[in-house]
Amino acid sequence: MSTPTRVYIARLASVAVFDPNGDQVGRVRDAVARLRPTDRPPEVVGLVAEMPMRRRIFLSINRIISIDPEAVVLGTGTLNLRRFEKRPNELLVLSDLLDRRVQVEPGGRSGTVVDVAMERSRSGEWSLTRVAVREQTGRLGRRGHLHQAEWEKVRGLSGMGDTRGTANLLAVLEDMRPADLANALQDLPDSRRNELAAALDNTRLADVLSELPEHDQVEILAGLDRERAADVLEEMDPDDAADLLNELPPPEQDVLLDLMEPDEADPVRQLLKYTPGTAGSVMTSEPVILPPDATVAEALARIREPQLSPAVAAQVFVARAPMTTPTGRYLGMVHFQRLLREPPADLLGGVVLNDIDPLQPDTPLPEITRRMATYDLVAMPVIDSANRLVGAVTVDDVLDHSLPRDWRDRDAPARGIGESPAGAPTGHPVSRREPLTGGVDG
């Protein structure tokens, strides 16, 4: 596999990174360039790759033996697993330059950066050499001409002022999963992150907020006007919306809940009443619920709905009317594997299982974890004193609330489940450029 001498970096976003054995180790998220004291274009020193568990690491350009828009292949050697941190004399090409408003000489034509090319010299050094700039037209709905210019002919690339838009960076990030996009936002300066978050549509922003640390959720929500913030909360799952509102002062909670549609706000208000660390506080109030006279075919059609998470779609809860929580009398549940084995015309009332005691709203989290592990369940029903289904605790809820509070924060040290921040190891960080003893041998 040959490497072209010129590579456009935006086309590398999300490209898979492979070791010499053909095993995927992560995906490209950005390129790192080192600024020079002269007017020479910045030198590209490596790529940023995202590995499983959202860890971003630095890949030295000297370790890469093949790079193109289809795949990046590493050579043999030790892979440094230290978390990537940008140095003061470096820039992240996509995060820092995409959408920057610049001027192209001669003539001083204004435009926005849509891509940057890195080029390899005869000596093997990679530098940022060309910039793709879309001209600003000033006419609504009309896209300007796309120009390519040498790095030295573009003014405004190294300025630190707020001269960036959002459209092109959003286009690069649009195919990411919400968790990956949330991770990418954490790499950006606060103002840039909030600007990009605000540019997302309500549904996409709701999904991303659910994957961010609490302090980032609160800051982004605070940057929206209250009507928009209420709209975003309506798009979130009630349990995620309740978790976010719990981070706000009670007066602000009330304002946002009053701005939400009543049918969206009511389940969130109910969840906010439960004691933290109990089944009521971590459950979803919108599991899949059907009456006993529904057929197996109807249940299978319901769990196929694409907006359902895998944990929620793994089972159907059966109850008497009404079908919204709190329901009528709870009867039991049917796992999707049982649905696949039964004739489509059979009724759920004939295949329902009720041999496992449901949770109560005040059941503590350790007991929930123990019972779900004992019975190998991905969800458990929660009923009130009147035997009405009020929600379900799913395995992702349990994991989310069992991990350390700051587990989504990429700056937090790695810890085991249940280990407090005070128990985190101490010590001085090691430079990401140093080899890591015992690392992954490519």
Protein backbone atom coordinates (compact mmCIF):
# COMPACT_ATOMS: atom_id res chain seq x y z
CA MET A 1 0.00 0.00 0.00
CA SER A 2 1.61 3.27 -1.11
CA THR A 3 1.29 6.62 0.65
CA PRO A 4 0.51 9.69 -1.46
CA THR A 5 2.81 12.66 -1.03
CA ARG A 6 -0.17 14.97 -0.34
CA VAL A 7 -3.02 14.09 2.02
CA TYR A 8 -6.06 16.23 2.87
CA ILE A 9 -6.57 15.89 6.59
CA ALA A 10 -10.36 16.32 6.80
CA ARG A 11 -10.64 13.18 4.67
CA LEU A 12 -8.75 11.25 7.34
CA ALA A 13 -11.33 11.94 10.07
CA SER A 14 -12.66 8.60 11.40
CA VAL A 15 -10.35 6.55 9.15
CA ALA A 16 -9.37 3.28 10.84
CA VAL A 17 -5.82 2.79 12.18
CA PHE A 18 -4.31 -0.69 11.89
CA ASP A 19 -1.21 -2.31 13.36
CA PRO A 20 1.15 -4.37 11.15
CA ASN A 21 -0.89 -7.51 11.89
CA GLY A 22 -4.03 -5.95 10.42
CA ASP A 23 -5.76 -5.46 13.78
CA GLN A 24 -7.59 -2.17 14.23
CA VAL A 25 -6.28 -0.10 17.12
CA GLY A 26 -8.47 2.99 16.75
CA ARG A 27 -9.64 5.76 14.43
CA VAL A 28 -8.07 9.04 13.36
CA ARG A 29 -9.55 12.11 15.04
CA ASP A 30 -7.07 14.86 14.12
CA ALA A 31 -3.54 15.75 13.04
CA VAL A 32 -0.95 17.47 15.23
CA ALA A 33 1.26 20.18 13.70
CA ARG A 34 4.14 22.00 15.35
CA LEU A 35 4.41 25.73 14.79
CA ARG A 36 7.79 27.05 13.65
CA PRO A 37 9.44 30.31 14.72
CA THR A 38 9.87 31.33 11.07
CA ASP A 39 7.24 31.77 8.36
CA ARG A 40 7.67 28.17 7.24
CA PRO A 41 4.47 26.07 7.28
CA PRO A 42 3.90 24.04 10.45
CA GLU A 43 5.47 20.60 10.59
CA VAL A 44 3.04 17.69 11.00
CA VAL A 45 4.41 15.55 13.83
CA GLY A 46 1.66 12.97 14.14
CA LEU A 47 -1.98 12.01 14.30
CA VAL A 48 -4.41 11.77 17.19
CA ALA A 49 -6.18 8.40 17.29
CA GLU A 50 -9.09 7.40 19.47
CA MET A 51 -8.88 3.92 20.97
CA PRO A 52 -11.57 1.91 22.75
CA MET A 53 -12.80 3.42 26.03
CA ARG A 54 -12.47 6.86 24.40
CA ARG A 55 -8.75 7.19 25.10
CA ARG A 56 -7.02 9.50 22.64
CA ILE A 57 -3.34 8.84 22.00
CA PHE A 58 -0.60 10.37 19.92
CA LEU A 59 0.75 8.51 16.87
CA SER A 60 4.11 9.82 15.73
CA ILE A 61 4.24 10.45 12.01
CA ASN A 62 7.46 8.40 11.99
CA ARG A 63 5.52 5.31 13.15
CA ILE A 64 3.12 5.47 10.20
CA ILE A 65 4.11 3.45 7.14
CA SER A 66 0.97 4.04 5.09
CA ILE A 67 -1.59 6.82 5.18
CA ASP A 68 -4.52 7.47 2.86
CA PRO A 69 -8.30 8.13 3.09
CA GLU A 70 -8.96 4.36 3.32
CA ALA A 71 -6.65 3.34 6.19
CA VAL A 72 -3.67 4.33 8.30
CA VAL A 73 -1.15 1.54 8.95
CA LEU A 74 1.46 1.58 11.70
CA GLY A 75 4.90 0.04 11.60
CA THR A 76 6.35 -2.27 14.22
CA GLY A 77 7.30 -0.94 17.62
CA THR A 78 5.79 0.02 20.95
CA LEU A 79 2.56 2.00 20.94
CA ASN A 80 2.52 4.76 23.54
CA LEU A 81 -0.82 4.59 25.40
CA ARG A 82 -0.41 7.83 27.32
CA ARG A 83 -3.41 10.12 26.90
CA PHE A 84 -2.77 12.81 24.29
CA GLU A 85 -2.21 16.37 25.48
CA LYS A 86 -1.54 19.25 23.12
CA ARG A 87 1.60 21.26 23.75
CA PRO A 88 1.68 25.06 23.67
CA ASN A 89 3.54 25.23 20.33
CA GLU A 90 1.20 22.80 18.59
CA LEU A 91 -2.15 23.01 16.86
CA LEU A 92 -4.81 20.44 16.09
CA VAL A 93 -5.50 20.90 12.40
CA LEU A 94 -9.20 20.03 12.31
CA SER A 95 -10.16 21.46 15.70
CA ASP A 96 -8.15 24.69 15.37
CA LEU A 97 -8.25 25.50 11.66
CA LEU A 98 -11.44 24.14 10.14
CA ASP A 99 -14.02 26.93 9.65
CA ARG A 100 -11.48 29.64 10.43
CA ARG A 101 -12.20 32.82 8.48
CA VAL A 102 -9.16 33.82 6.46
CA GLN A 103 -8.01 35.96 3.56
CA VAL A 104 -6.25 34.64 0.47
CA GLU A 105 -3.55 36.67 -1.25
CA PRO A 106 -3.29 38.27 -3.71
CA GLY A 107 -6.46 40.31 -3.60
CA GLY A 108 -7.41 39.54 -0.01
CA ARG A 109 -10.43 37.38 -0.88
CA SER A 110 -12.27 36.29 2.28
CA GLY A 111 -13.40 32.75 2.94
CA THR A 112 -13.52 29.88 5.42
CA VAL A 113 -11.15 26.95 5.71
CA VAL A 114 -12.76 23.66 4.64
CA ASP A 115 -9.65 21.44 4.53
CA VAL A 116 -5.88 21.53 4.95
CA ALA A 117 -3.37 19.38 3.05
CA MET A 118 -0.16 17.99 4.48
CA GLU A 119 2.63 17.16 2.10
CA ARG A 120 5.75 15.04 2.43
CA SER A 121 9.10 16.43 1.33
CA ARG A 122 11.93 14.41 -0.19
CA SER A 123 13.52 14.19 3.23
CA GLY A 124 10.38 12.53 4.59
CA GLU A 125 9.14 15.53 6.60
CA TRP A 126 5.40 16.28 6.53
CA SER A 127 4.24 19.92 6.53
CA LEU A 128 0.98 21.79 6.10
CA THR A 129 1.31 23.15 2.59
CA ARG A 130 -2.09 23.90 1.04
CA VAL A 131 -5.38 25.24 2.33
CA ALA A 132 -8.80 24.71 0.76
CA VAL A 133 -10.84 27.89 1.27
CA ARG A 134 -14.47 28.44 0.32
CA GLU A 135 -15.05 32.02 -0.76
CA GLN A 136 -17.69 34.08 1.05
CA THR A 137 -20.33 35.31 -1.37
CA GLY A 138 -22.55 37.48 0.82
CA ARG A 139 -25.57 36.00 -0.94
CA LEU A 140 -27.98 33.87 1.07
CA GLY A 141 -28.13 30.22 0.02
CA ARG A 142 -25.30 30.46 -2.50
CA ARG A 143 -22.03 28.64 -1.91
CA GLY A 144 -18.86 30.43 -2.88
CA HIS A 145 -16.11 29.11 -5.09
CA LEU A 146 -13.59 26.72 -3.59
CA HIS A 147 -9.98 27.83 -3.87
CA GLN A 148 -6.74 26.06 -3.02
CA ALA A 149 -3.91 28.25 -1.89
CA GLU A 150 -0.39 27.76 -0.61
CA TRP A 151 -0.10 28.03 3.17
CA GLU A 152 2.01 31.18 2.89
CA LYS A 153 -0.69 32.93 0.82
CA VAL A 154 -3.39 32.55 3.46
CA ARG A 155 -3.72 35.21 6.15
CA GLY A 156 -5.39 34.50 9.50
CA LEU A 157 -4.38 30.88 10.03
CA SER A 158 -2.26 31.50 13.09
CA GLY A 159 -4.34 34.22 14.74
CA MET A 160 -5.96 33.39 18.04
CA GLY A 161 -9.04 35.54 17.57
CA ASP A 162 -12.51 34.06 17.32
CA THR A 163 -12.65 33.87 13.55
CA ARG A 164 -14.19 30.46 13.09
CA GLY A 165 -17.60 29.21 12.08
CA THR A 166 -18.98 25.73 12.66
CA ALA A 167 -20.35 24.25 9.44
CA ASN A 168 -17.29 22.42 8.13
CA LEU A 169 -16.20 20.99 11.46
CA LEU A 170 -19.75 19.77 12.08
CA ALA A 171 -19.68 18.11 8.67
CA VAL A 172 -16.53 16.23 9.66
CA LEU A 173 -18.06 15.16 12.98
CA GLU A 174 -21.60 14.39 11.82
CA ASP A 175 -21.09 10.64 11.33
CA MET A 176 -19.66 10.10 14.81
CA ARG A 177 -21.60 8.25 17.46
CA PRO A 178 -22.88 10.59 20.20
CA ALA A 179 -20.29 9.27 22.66
CA ASP A 180 -17.46 9.88 20.18
CA LEU A 181 -18.73 13.35 19.35
CA ALA A 182 -18.95 14.17 23.05
CA ASN A 183 -15.38 13.01 23.40
CA ALA A 184 -14.29 15.21 20.49
CA LEU A 185 -15.99 18.25 22.03
CA GLN A 186 -13.97 17.80 25.21
CA ASP A 187 -10.79 18.41 23.20
CA LEU A 188 -11.93 21.87 22.14
CA PRO A 189 -11.57 25.16 24.01
CA ASP A 190 -14.67 25.97 26.07
CA SER A 191 -15.91 28.72 23.76
CA ARG A 192 -15.42 26.58 20.65
CA ARG A 193 -17.09 23.57 22.28
CA ASN A 194 -20.13 25.60 23.35
CA GLU A 195 -20.39 27.16 19.88
CA LEU A 196 -20.37 23.76 18.18
CA ALA A 197 -22.80 22.27 20.66
CA ALA A 198 -25.24 25.13 20.14
CA ALA A 199 -25.08 24.56 16.36
CA LEU A 200 -26.31 20.95 16.70
CA ASP A 201 -30.01 20.27 16.24
CA ASN A 202 -32.01 19.53 19.38
CA THR A 203 -32.06 15.75 19.00
CA ARG A 204 -28.34 15.47 18.27
CA LEU A 205 -27.45 17.84 21.11
CA ALA A 206 -29.65 15.86 23.51
CA ASP A 207 -27.81 12.64 22.60
CA VAL A 208 -24.41 14.29 22.99
CA LEU A 209 -25.26 15.93 26.32
CA SER A 210 -26.12 12.51 27.73
CA GLU A 211 -22.53 11.40 27.01
CA LEU A 212 -20.73 14.42 28.52
CA PRO A 213 -19.49 14.93 32.10
CA GLU A 214 -21.96 16.76 34.32
CA HIS A 215 -19.96 20.00 34.46
CA ASP A 216 -19.83 20.18 30.65
CA GLN A 217 -23.56 19.43 30.41
CA VAL A 218 -24.37 22.28 32.76
CA GLU A 219 -22.08 24.75 30.99
CA ILE A 220 -23.46 23.96 27.53
CA LEU A 221 -27.05 24.12 28.76
CA ALA A 222 -26.34 27.45 30.45
CA GLY A 223 -25.07 28.83 27.14
CA LEU A 224 -28.47 28.24 25.49
CA ASP A 225 -31.47 30.46 25.91
CA ARG A 226 -33.97 28.89 28.27
CA GLU A 227 -36.54 28.03 25.60
CA ARG A 228 -33.90 26.16 23.58
CA ALA A 229 -32.60 24.46 26.72
CA ALA A 230 -36.14 23.25 27.51
CA ASP A 231 -36.52 21.93 23.95
CA VAL A 232 -33.27 19.96 24.29
CA LEU A 233 -34.36 18.51 27.64
CA GLU A 234 -37.58 17.32 25.98
CA GLU A 235 -35.50 15.35 23.46
CA MET A 236 -33.49 13.59 26.21
CA ASP A 237 -34.61 10.38 27.88
CA PRO A 238 -36.45 11.35 31.08
CA ASP A 239 -33.80 9.76 33.30
CA ASP A 240 -30.98 11.60 31.53
CA ALA A 241 -32.92 14.88 31.71
CA ALA A 242 -33.50 14.31 35.42
CA ASP A 243 -29.80 13.63 36.01
CA LEU A 244 -28.90 16.87 34.26
CA LEU A 245 -31.50 18.93 36.09
CA ASN A 246 -30.24 17.52 39.39
CA GLU A 247 -27.00 19.42 38.72
CA LEU A 248 -28.89 22.76 38.62
CA PRO A 249 -30.21 24.86 41.50
CA PRO A 250 -33.90 24.10 42.29
CA PRO A 251 -35.14 27.50 41.03
CA GLU A 252 -33.50 26.89 37.64
CA GLN A 253 -34.95 23.37 37.57
CA ASP A 254 -38.43 24.78 38.04
CA VAL A 255 -38.01 27.38 35.30
CA LEU A 256 -36.90 24.80 32.73
CA LEU A 257 -39.56 22.27 33.73
CA ASP A 258 -42.25 24.93 33.38
CA LEU A 259 -41.00 25.70 29.85
CA MET A 260 -41.17 22.04 28.82
CA GLU A 261 -44.30 20.49 27.40
CA PRO A 262 -46.33 19.07 30.34
CA ASP A 263 -46.32 15.50 29.00
CA GLU A 264 -42.51 15.68 28.66
CA ALA A 265 -41.95 17.39 32.02
CA ASP A 266 -44.19 15.17 34.16
CA PRO A 267 -42.04 12.00 34.04
CA VAL A 268 -38.92 14.09 34.72
CA ARG A 269 -40.56 15.72 37.73
CA GLN A 270 -41.47 12.28 39.05
CA LEU A 271 -37.90 11.00 38.71
CA LEU A 272 -36.55 14.04 40.54
CA LYS A 273 -38.57 13.03 43.61
CA TYR A 274 -36.67 9.79 44.20
CA THR A 275 -33.69 9.50 46.52
CA PRO A 276 -30.34 9.46 44.66
CA GLY A 277 -28.77 6.02 44.45
CA THR A 278 -32.08 4.15 44.37
CA ALA A 279 -33.94 2.33 41.60
CA GLY A 280 -36.34 5.25 41.26
CA SER A 281 -33.52 7.72 40.62
CA VAL A 282 -31.71 5.65 37.94
CA MET A 283 -34.62 3.99 36.11
CA THR A 284 -36.10 4.95 32.78
CA SER A 285 -39.80 5.74 32.95
CA GLU A 286 -40.33 4.78 29.28
CA PRO A 287 -39.63 1.05 28.86
CA VAL A 288 -41.49 -1.00 26.25
CA ILE A 289 -44.92 -1.77 27.72
CA LEU A 290 -47.74 -3.77 26.09
CA PRO A 291 -51.02 -5.28 27.31
CA PRO A 292 -51.42 -9.06 27.78
CA ASP A 293 -53.69 -9.33 24.73
CA ALA A 294 -50.99 -7.97 22.39
CA THR A 295 -49.47 -10.56 20.07
CA VAL A 296 -45.88 -11.72 19.82
CA ALA A 297 -45.76 -10.14 16.34
CA GLU A 298 -46.82 -6.78 17.78
CA ALA A 299 -44.14 -7.02 20.46
CA LEU A 300 -41.43 -7.81 17.90
CA ALA A 301 -42.52 -4.86 15.79
CA ARG A 302 -42.33 -2.60 18.83
CA ILE A 303 -38.80 -3.55 19.85
CA ARG A 304 -37.59 -3.07 16.27
CA GLU A 305 -38.14 0.69 16.55
CA PRO A 306 -34.75 2.26 15.83
CA GLN A 307 -34.90 4.92 18.55
CA LEU A 308 -34.88 2.27 21.30
CA SER A 309 -31.55 1.48 22.93
CA PRO A 310 -30.46 -2.18 22.90
CA ALA A 311 -31.01 -2.50 26.66
CA VAL A 312 -34.55 -1.09 26.48
CA ALA A 313 -35.43 -3.20 23.41
CA ALA A 314 -34.22 -6.44 25.01
CA GLN A 315 -37.54 -7.13 26.72
CA VAL A 316 -41.22 -6.18 26.79
CA PHE A 317 -43.01 -5.45 30.06
CA VAL A 318 -46.61 -6.61 30.27
CA ALA A 319 -49.19 -4.71 32.31
CA ARG A 320 -52.86 -3.80 32.45
CA ALA A 321 -53.97 -0.45 31.04
CA PRO A 322 -52.93 2.32 31.10
CA MET A 323 -49.74 1.60 29.16
CA THR A 324 -47.83 4.69 30.32
CA THR A 325 -46.11 4.72 33.69
CA PRO A 326 -47.48 4.33 36.27
CA THR A 327 -49.38 1.54 34.51
CA GLY A 328 -52.17 -0.68 35.65
CA ARG A 329 -51.29 -3.91 37.47
CA TYR A 330 -47.88 -5.26 36.45
CA LEU A 331 -48.02 -8.84 35.10
CA GLY A 332 -44.44 -9.70 34.08
CA MET A 333 -41.98 -9.43 31.21
CA VAL A 334 -40.99 -11.27 28.03
CA HIS A 335 -37.40 -11.33 26.74
CA PHE A 336 -36.85 -10.82 23.03
CA GLN A 337 -35.33 -14.30 22.65
CA ARG A 338 -38.56 -15.82 23.94
CA LEU A 339 -40.49 -13.69 21.45
CA LEU A 340 -38.36 -15.10 18.62
CA ARG A 341 -39.21 -18.66 19.66
CA GLU A 342 -42.98 -18.23 19.95
CA PRO A 343 -45.60 -18.26 17.15
CA PRO A 344 -46.28 -14.67 15.99
CA ALA A 345 -50.03 -14.95 16.67
CA ASP A 346 -49.64 -16.02 20.33
CA LEU A 347 -50.63 -13.55 23.03
CA LEU A 348 -48.10 -12.06 25.43
CA GLY A 349 -50.27 -13.06 28.38
CA GLY A 350 -49.50 -16.69 27.58
CA VAL A 351 -45.70 -16.35 27.47
CA VAL A 352 -45.07 -13.76 30.17
CA LEU A 353 -42.58 -14.55 32.95
CA ASN A 354 -43.07 -13.31 36.52
CA ASP A 355 -40.75 -15.56 38.51
CA ILE A 356 -38.31 -12.75 39.47
CA ASP A 357 -39.41 -10.22 42.07
CA PRO A 358 -39.49 -6.66 40.69
CA LEU A 359 -37.51 -3.82 42.25
CA GLN A 360 -39.05 -1.21 44.49
CA PRO A 361 -38.35 2.51 43.88
CA ASP A 362 -36.24 2.65 47.06
CA THR A 363 -34.11 -0.41 46.25
CA PRO A 364 -30.46 0.74 46.62
CA LEU A 365 -28.04 0.53 43.71
CA PRO A 366 -25.78 -2.22 45.19
CA GLU A 367 -28.81 -4.48 45.60
CA ILE A 368 -29.92 -3.76 42.02
CA THR A 369 -26.46 -4.63 40.72
CA ARG A 370 -26.35 -7.87 42.71
CA ARG A 371 -29.78 -9.01 41.52
CA MET A 372 -29.17 -8.16 37.87
CA ALA A 373 -25.85 -10.02 37.96
CA THR A 374 -27.44 -13.00 39.73
CA TYR A 375 -30.14 -13.44 37.10
CA ASP A 376 -28.07 -12.27 34.07
CA LEU A 377 -30.58 -9.53 33.25
CA VAL A 378 -30.13 -6.41 31.16
CA ALA A 379 -33.23 -4.76 32.71
CA MET A 380 -35.47 -5.14 35.74
CA PRO A 381 -38.97 -3.75 36.37
CA VAL A 382 -39.64 -1.24 39.12
CA ILE A 383 -43.11 -1.32 40.71
CA ASP A 384 -44.78 0.83 43.37
CA SER A 385 -46.78 -0.28 46.42
CA ALA A 386 -49.91 -0.66 44.27
CA ASN A 387 -48.09 -3.16 41.96
CA ARG A 388 -48.01 -0.64 39.12
CA LEU A 389 -45.02 -0.51 36.77
CA VAL A 390 -43.30 2.85 37.25
CA GLY A 391 -40.16 2.19 35.22
CA ALA A 392 -37.26 -0.16 34.52
CA VAL A 393 -33.61 -0.13 35.49
CA THR A 394 -31.36 -1.09 32.55
CA VAL A 395 -27.78 -2.30 32.64
CA ASP A 396 -26.51 0.96 31.14
CA ASP A 397 -28.19 2.85 33.99
CA VAL A 398 -26.43 0.61 36.50
CA LEU A 399 -23.03 1.06 34.84
CA ASP A 400 -23.47 4.81 34.52
CA HIS A 401 -24.18 5.20 38.23
CA SER A 402 -21.70 2.56 39.46
CA LEU A 403 -18.66 4.07 37.76
CA PRO A 404 -16.90 7.03 39.41
CA ARG A 405 -18.88 10.24 39.05
CA ASP A 406 -16.33 11.76 36.67
CA TRP A 407 -15.86 8.66 34.45
CA ARG A 408 -16.96 10.58 31.35
CA ASP A 409 -14.37 13.29 31.97
CA ARG A 410 -11.35 12.58 29.78
CA ASP A 411 -9.08 14.46 32.20
CA ALA A 412 -10.02 12.18 35.08
CA PRO A 413 -7.53 9.46 36.13
CA ALA A 414 -8.49 5.86 35.40
CA ARG A 415 -10.11 4.11 38.38
CA GLY A 416 -11.97 0.92 39.06
CA ILE A 417 -15.72 0.71 39.48
CA GLY A 418 -16.73 2.21 42.78
CA GLU A 419 -13.30 3.71 43.51
CA SER A 420 -13.59 7.28 44.67
CA PRO A 421 -11.59 10.18 43.27
CA ALA A 422 -9.67 10.29 46.52
CA GLY A 423 -8.40 6.80 45.75
CA ALA A 424 -6.90 7.79 42.42
CA PRO A 425 -3.19 7.14 42.02
CA THR A 426 -0.86 10.09 42.33
CA GLY A 427 2.36 10.92 40.54
CA HIS A 428 3.81 13.06 37.81
CA PRO A 429 2.52 12.58 34.27
CA VAL A 430 4.88 11.17 31.67
CA SER A 431 5.33 12.96 28.37
CA ARG A 432 3.24 11.40 25.64
CA ARG A 433 6.32 11.42 23.41
CA GLU A 434 8.15 8.96 25.70
CA PRO A 435 7.82 5.22 24.98
CA LEU A 436 5.56 3.38 27.39
CA THR A 437 7.12 0.31 28.94
CA GLY A 438 4.79 -2.63 28.60
CA GLY A 439 2.70 -0.91 25.95
CA VAL A 440 1.04 -2.52 22.97
CA ASP A 441 3.64 -4.09 20.74
CA GLY A 442 2.68 -3.44 17.15
